[in-house]
Protein backbone atom coordinates (compact mmCIF):
# COMPACT_ATOMS: atom_id res chain seq x y z
CA MET A 1 -27.70 13.37 -9.17
CA THR A 2 -25.83 12.21 -12.26
CA ILE A 3 -22.33 13.61 -12.67
CA THR A 4 -21.72 14.25 -16.35
CA HIS A 5 -18.38 16.12 -16.27
CA LEU A 6 -15.15 15.91 -14.27
CA VAL A 7 -13.23 19.16 -14.72
CA THR A 8 -9.60 19.89 -13.99
CA HIS A 9 -7.16 22.39 -15.45
CA SER A 10 -5.54 22.20 -18.86
CA GLY A 11 -1.81 22.37 -19.61
CA GLY A 12 0.86 20.54 -17.66
CA PHE A 13 -0.23 18.21 -14.90
CA HIS A 14 0.85 17.15 -11.44
CA ALA A 15 0.27 14.04 -9.39
CA ASP A 16 -2.58 15.51 -7.32
CA GLU A 17 -5.11 16.07 -10.12
CA LEU A 18 -3.93 12.92 -11.87
CA LEU A 19 -4.60 10.82 -8.76
CA SER A 20 -7.86 12.66 -8.14
CA SER A 21 -8.88 11.63 -11.64
CA VAL A 22 -8.22 8.00 -10.73
CA ILE A 23 -10.71 8.24 -7.88
CA LEU A 24 -13.36 10.18 -9.74
CA THR A 25 -13.29 8.27 -13.02
CA ARG A 26 -13.79 5.04 -11.07
CA LEU A 27 -16.84 6.47 -9.31
CA PHE A 28 -18.26 8.28 -12.34
CA PRO A 29 -17.15 6.20 -15.32
CA LYS A 30 -19.67 7.75 -17.71
CA ALA A 31 -18.64 11.32 -16.94
CA GLU A 32 -16.54 13.20 -19.49
CA LEU A 33 -13.14 14.36 -18.22
CA VAL A 34 -12.60 17.97 -19.29
CA ARG A 35 -9.27 19.78 -18.95
CA SER A 36 -9.86 23.53 -19.15
CA ARG A 37 -9.23 26.88 -17.49
CA ASP A 38 -12.25 28.44 -19.14
CA LYS A 39 -14.36 30.19 -16.49
CA ALA A 40 -17.48 28.59 -17.93
CA TRP A 41 -16.08 25.18 -17.03
CA ILE A 42 -14.39 25.93 -13.70
CA THR A 43 -17.43 27.55 -12.09
CA PRO A 44 -19.51 25.18 -9.90
CA ALA A 45 -22.61 23.81 -11.58
CA GLU A 46 -25.00 20.91 -11.30
CA GLU A 47 -23.75 17.55 -12.58
CA ARG A 48 -20.10 18.70 -12.43
CA ILE A 49 -17.08 18.01 -10.18
CA ILE A 50 -14.21 20.50 -10.40
CA TYR A 51 -10.77 19.84 -8.89
CA ASP A 52 -7.34 21.49 -8.71
CA VAL A 53 -8.73 24.58 -10.39
CA GLY A 54 -11.37 27.23 -9.75
CA GLY A 55 -10.01 28.95 -6.65
CA GLN A 56 -12.53 27.48 -4.23
CA PHE A 57 -13.06 24.54 -1.91
CA ASP A 58 -16.66 23.64 -1.26
CA ALA A 59 -17.43 19.95 -1.00
CA GLU A 60 -21.18 20.58 -1.21
CA ALA A 61 -20.73 22.53 -4.44
CA ARG A 62 -18.31 19.81 -5.65
CA ILE A 63 -15.29 22.08 -6.21
CA PHE A 64 -11.96 20.95 -4.76
CA ASP A 65 -9.20 23.50 -5.31
CA HIS A 66 -6.39 24.28 -2.86
CA HIS A 67 -4.51 27.16 -4.50
CA GLN A 68 -6.57 29.98 -2.93
CA LYS A 69 -5.83 31.86 0.27
CA PRO A 70 -6.58 30.78 2.88
CA ASN A 71 -5.84 27.30 1.61
CA PRO A 72 -7.66 24.27 3.06
CA LEU A 73 -5.81 22.56 5.90
CA ARG A 74 -6.14 19.26 7.74
CA GLU A 75 -7.05 19.30 11.42
CA ASP A 76 -3.34 19.13 12.27
CA GLY A 77 -2.58 22.16 10.08
CA GLN A 78 -0.98 20.28 7.19
CA PRO A 79 -2.07 21.45 3.72
CA TYR A 80 -4.35 19.59 1.38
CA SER A 81 -3.83 19.22 -2.34
CA SER A 82 -6.78 18.44 -4.59
CA PHE A 83 -6.04 14.75 -4.07
CA GLY A 84 -6.45 15.01 -0.32
CA LEU A 85 -9.67 16.98 -0.68
CA VAL A 86 -11.12 14.51 -3.18
CA TRP A 87 -10.02 11.55 -1.04
CA ALA A 88 -11.63 13.03 2.07
CA ARG A 89 -14.95 13.40 0.25
CA TYR A 90 -14.99 10.41 -2.09
CA GLY A 91 -12.38 7.97 -0.75
CA ARG A 92 -14.81 5.82 1.22
CA ASP A 93 -17.10 5.47 -1.81
CA TYR A 94 -14.08 4.60 -3.89
CA LEU A 95 -13.10 1.81 -1.49
CA ARG A 96 -16.63 0.43 -1.61
CA ALA A 97 -16.47 0.53 -5.42
CA LEU A 98 -13.36 -1.67 -5.14
CA ASP A 99 -15.35 -4.13 -2.98
CA VAL A 100 -13.46 -3.40 0.23
CA PRO A 101 -15.50 -4.97 3.06
CA GLU A 102 -17.51 -2.37 4.93
CA HIS A 103 -15.88 -3.26 8.26
CA ASP A 104 -12.47 -2.34 6.80
CA VAL A 105 -13.44 0.84 4.94
CA GLU A 106 -12.63 3.32 7.73
CA LYS A 107 -9.33 1.65 8.61
CA ILE A 108 -8.14 1.51 5.00
CA HIS A 109 -9.40 5.03 4.28
CA ALA A 110 -7.34 6.36 7.18
CA SER A 111 -4.21 4.32 6.47
CA PHE A 112 -4.25 5.19 2.75
CA ASP A 113 -4.71 8.86 3.61
CA ARG A 114 -1.79 8.78 6.02
CA GLY A 115 0.61 6.68 3.96
CA PHE A 116 -0.23 7.62 0.36
CA VAL A 117 -2.40 10.74 0.09
CA LEU A 118 -0.66 12.93 2.67
CA PRO A 119 2.82 12.64 1.08
CA VAL A 120 1.33 13.68 -2.27
CA ASP A 121 -0.42 16.63 -0.60
CA LEU A 122 2.76 17.78 1.14
CA LEU A 123 4.95 17.48 -1.95
CA ASP A 124 2.43 19.30 -4.11
CA ASN A 125 2.30 22.20 -1.63
CA GLY A 126 6.05 22.38 -1.18
CA ALA A 127 5.62 21.48 2.50
CA VAL A 128 8.29 18.80 2.13
CA ASP A 129 11.11 18.44 -0.36
CA ALA A 130 11.50 15.24 -2.36
CA SER A 131 15.22 15.48 -1.65
CA ALA A 132 14.37 14.41 1.91
CA ALA A 133 14.29 10.92 0.42
CA GLY A 134 17.97 11.37 -0.39
CA PRO A 135 19.59 12.33 -3.70
CA LEU A 136 19.47 8.77 -4.97
CA PHE A 137 15.71 8.43 -4.46
CA SER A 138 14.26 11.94 -4.80
CA GLY A 139 13.44 11.37 -8.46
CA LEU A 140 11.72 8.08 -7.66
CA THR A 141 8.90 9.41 -5.49
CA LEU A 142 5.48 8.64 -6.95
CA PRO A 143 4.72 12.28 -7.85
CA ALA A 144 8.06 12.59 -9.64
CA LEU A 145 7.47 9.39 -11.58
CA LEU A 146 3.93 10.37 -12.57
CA GLU A 147 5.02 13.84 -13.63
CA SER A 148 7.78 12.34 -15.77
CA LEU A 149 4.94 11.22 -18.07
CA LYS A 150 4.33 14.83 -19.14
CA PRO A 151 5.38 15.79 -22.68
CA ALA A 152 8.85 17.23 -23.19
CA PHE A 153 9.08 21.02 -22.96
CA ASP A 154 9.51 21.38 -26.72
CA ASP A 155 6.62 19.10 -27.69
CA ARG A 156 4.32 21.82 -29.02
CA GLU A 157 1.95 19.56 -30.90
CA GLU A 158 -1.66 20.50 -30.25
CA GLY A 159 -3.27 18.28 -27.60
CA ALA A 160 0.05 16.84 -26.36
CA ASP A 161 -0.70 17.63 -22.70
CA ASP A 162 -4.17 16.12 -22.87
CA ARG A 163 -2.95 12.97 -24.58
CA ALA A 164 -0.17 12.57 -22.00
CA PHE A 165 -2.65 13.10 -19.17
CA ALA A 166 -5.02 10.47 -20.60
CA ALA A 167 -2.13 8.02 -20.93
CA ALA A 168 -0.92 8.73 -17.38
CA VAL A 169 -4.27 8.08 -15.67
CA PRO A 170 -4.14 4.27 -16.05
CA VAL A 171 -0.55 4.28 -14.80
CA ALA A 172 -1.59 6.23 -11.72
CA ARG A 173 -4.61 3.94 -11.31
CA ALA A 174 -2.36 0.90 -11.19
CA PHE A 175 -0.40 2.34 -8.24
CA VAL A 176 -3.50 3.42 -6.32
CA GLU A 177 -5.43 0.20 -6.77
CA ALA A 178 -2.42 -1.99 -6.04
CA ARG A 179 -1.93 -0.13 -2.74
CA ILE A 180 -5.62 -0.51 -1.87
CA ARG A 181 -5.56 -4.23 -2.71
CA ARG A 182 -2.53 -4.71 -0.48
CA SER A 183 -4.18 -2.83 2.39
CA ALA A 184 -7.37 -4.86 2.07
CA ALA A 185 -5.31 -8.07 1.93
CA LYS A 186 -3.45 -7.05 5.08
CA TYR A 187 -6.68 -6.86 7.03
CA ARG A 188 -7.90 -10.18 5.61
CA ALA A 189 -4.60 -11.72 6.63
CA GLU A 190 -4.83 -10.26 10.12
CA ALA A 191 -8.20 -11.92 10.65
CA MET A 192 -6.79 -15.27 9.48
CA VAL A 193 -3.73 -14.91 11.70
CA LEU A 194 -5.85 -14.14 14.77
CA ALA A 195 -7.91 -17.28 14.14
CA ALA A 196 -4.73 -19.35 13.76
CA ILE A 197 -3.28 -17.92 16.98
CA GLU A 198 -6.40 -18.93 18.86
CA ALA A 199 -6.05 -22.45 17.46
CA ALA A 200 -2.36 -22.57 18.41
CA GLY A 201 -3.04 -21.87 22.08
CA GLU A 202 0.21 -21.57 24.01
CA GLY A 203 2.29 -23.23 21.30
CA ARG A 204 5.51 -21.56 20.15
CA VAL A 205 4.85 -22.24 16.44
CA LEU A 206 2.05 -20.64 14.43
CA GLU A 207 0.71 -22.67 11.51
CA LEU A 208 -0.94 -20.69 8.72
CA PRO A 209 -2.86 -22.05 5.71
CA MET A 210 -0.69 -20.10 3.26
CA GLY A 211 2.02 -17.47 3.13
CA MET A 212 0.65 -14.08 4.23
CA PRO A 213 1.60 -10.98 6.24
CA PHE A 214 1.46 -12.18 9.84
CA ARG A 215 3.39 -9.90 12.18
CA ALA A 216 0.59 -7.33 12.61
CA GLY A 217 -1.79 -10.07 13.67
CA VAL A 218 0.76 -11.60 16.04
CA GLU A 219 1.33 -8.22 17.68
CA ALA A 220 -2.39 -7.39 17.80
CA ALA A 221 -3.02 -10.66 19.62
CA GLY A 222 -0.18 -10.07 22.08
CA ALA A 223 1.09 -13.54 21.22
CA ASP A 224 4.54 -13.05 22.69
CA GLN A 225 5.05 -16.79 23.09
CA LEU A 226 5.28 -17.35 19.34
CA LEU A 227 8.77 -17.80 17.90
CA PHE A 228 8.21 -19.20 14.42
CA VAL A 229 5.62 -19.50 11.66
CA VAL A 230 5.06 -22.41 9.27
CA HIS A 231 2.96 -22.50 6.12
CA PRO A 232 2.74 -24.34 2.79
CA ARG A 233 4.76 -22.84 -0.05
CA GLY A 234 3.77 -24.42 -3.34
CA ALA A 235 4.56 -28.12 -3.06
CA ASP A 236 6.86 -27.46 -0.08
CA TRP A 237 6.50 -26.03 3.42
CA ALA A 238 8.30 -23.01 4.89
CA LEU A 239 9.49 -22.21 8.40
CA THR A 240 10.07 -18.49 9.04
CA THR A 241 11.17 -16.30 11.90
CA ILE A 242 9.16 -13.37 13.33
CA ARG A 243 10.77 -9.93 13.06
CA THR A 244 10.55 -7.65 16.06
CA GLY A 245 9.66 -4.55 14.02
CA ASP A 246 9.10 -3.07 10.57
CA ASP A 247 12.44 -1.30 10.46
CA THR A 248 14.67 -4.07 11.76
CA PHE A 249 15.87 -7.51 10.76
CA GLU A 250 16.09 -8.61 14.39
CA THR A 251 13.89 -11.60 15.13
CA ARG A 252 12.30 -13.15 18.19
CA ALA A 253 14.43 -16.23 17.55
CA ASP A 254 16.77 -17.42 14.80
CA LEU A 255 16.93 -20.79 13.14
CA PRO A 256 19.81 -23.00 14.32
CA ALA A 257 23.26 -21.77 13.31
CA ALA A 258 24.22 -25.30 12.22
CA TRP A 259 21.62 -25.14 9.43
CA ALA A 260 22.79 -21.84 7.88
CA GLY A 261 23.29 -22.03 4.11
CA LEU A 262 22.74 -25.79 3.88
CA THR A 263 20.58 -27.63 1.34
CA ASP A 264 19.24 -31.12 0.72
CA GLU A 265 21.41 -33.94 2.09
CA ALA A 266 23.68 -31.60 4.03
CA LEU A 267 20.70 -29.99 5.77
CA GLU A 268 19.10 -33.38 6.42
CA ALA A 269 22.33 -34.50 8.07
CA ALA A 270 22.70 -31.32 10.15
CA SER A 271 19.09 -31.27 11.30
CA GLY A 272 18.35 -34.98 11.42
CA VAL A 273 15.11 -34.31 9.52
CA LYS A 274 14.34 -36.29 6.38
CA GLY A 275 12.92 -33.96 3.76
CA ALA A 276 14.75 -30.81 4.92
CA LYS A 277 15.63 -28.91 1.73
CA PHE A 278 17.03 -25.45 2.41
CA CYS A 279 17.98 -22.98 5.11
CA HIS A 280 18.90 -19.41 4.24
CA ASN A 281 22.33 -18.28 5.33
CA GLY A 282 20.60 -15.48 7.24
CA ARG A 283 18.67 -18.14 9.25
CA PHE A 284 15.28 -16.50 8.78
CA ILE A 285 13.68 -19.12 6.53
CA ALA A 286 13.95 -22.86 5.99
CA VAL A 287 12.09 -25.13 3.58
CA ALA A 288 11.11 -28.79 3.73
CA ASP A 289 9.19 -31.09 1.42
CA SER A 290 6.30 -31.90 3.78
CA ARG A 291 4.34 -30.60 6.74
CA GLU A 292 5.73 -33.40 8.89
CA ALA A 293 9.31 -32.42 8.06
CA ILE A 294 8.80 -28.68 8.61
CA MET A 295 7.08 -29.25 11.94
CA ALA A 296 10.02 -31.40 13.02
CA MET A 297 12.40 -28.60 12.06
CA ALA A 298 10.23 -26.09 13.92
CA GLU A 299 10.34 -28.19 17.08
CA LEU A 300 14.12 -28.36 16.86
CA ALA A 301 14.37 -24.59 16.37
CA VAL A 302 12.13 -23.98 19.38
CA ALA A 303 14.12 -26.41 21.51
CA GLU A 304 17.41 -24.73 20.61
CA ASN A 305 16.08 -21.30 21.53
CA SER A 306 14.54 -22.62 24.75
CA VAL A 307 17.89 -23.72 26.18
CA ARG A 308 19.59 -20.34 25.68
C-alpha cells in the first residue's frame, strides 16, 4: 500500500508529533504532511497515517493517538506518547532505512526506545517533570529545545504554526539521526574491540586501529587483565586508561605520576622514551609521535602498576 498522507494536528506542536514526523517522513518521503483537526482528515482511511490526534490507537488502522482514555501503556505500565507508538510500529523499518545492519536492528531499536523515546513519552504525558534534571538544565531537555521553535504567543500571522513546524522537523531529524548513527557506531566499535582483544591474548595493553568507544567491548569480553589502550591519533599515537564505569572517572590503572602535565623534552626525560609528547595532568591520556614510542610508554605504565 502506498501512503499518500501523514496527518497530525494543527496549531502548536510538541516534541512527540515532531519526532514522529521525523520517522514517518523518512519512511514515506512522497507522502504529504497534513496538519489538521478536521474530522475528515483525522479519521482512519486507506493510504493515510494519523498520529497524535484522532482519539484512537490502532496500529493496523494506522492511527497513533495517546490522548484517549484508557491511554496506551507499555508492558511496564509507563505511558506512550505518539512518538513511542510510532517508534514501536515503524522504528525497525526506520533503522533499516538508515542502513543499520540487520543484526543490530533489534539492539538499537531497544536502546533508542529506552534512552531517547521513553523520556519524550514520559515528559509529554507529565509522568516526569523536566525540573528533575535540575533548575539549570530543565530548559535544555530535547523536548524543551524543540518546543522553543514554536512561534511566539503573539505571532498571529496565518500559517505561522505550520511554517515553524516545517522548520523544526529537520532540526529534530538531526538529533534523531545523530543518536542512531552513534548507536550503530557503538556496535561496530564493539565488534572491532572484541577482535582486538582476541588478538591481544593475555596482554595488558589493547591496541586498536583507531580511536573508538572501547569500554563496552572490554567489559563484554570480560577482559579484566587489560589496563591500557593504544591507538593512532592523526600523525601521533595515544595511550589511554580504561574507566571502571560510565558514571565515574576512576580507572583500572593510572599513568605514572611522574609524567603528569609534562610535554616534549620534559616528558621524554621523565619517561626515558624518545618521542613522548604529552601526558595529561589527570594521567588518563598520553601521546607520542610513533607506535614504537607509545608502546614503550605503555609497557612502563603497566610495569609501574604491576609493582603496586
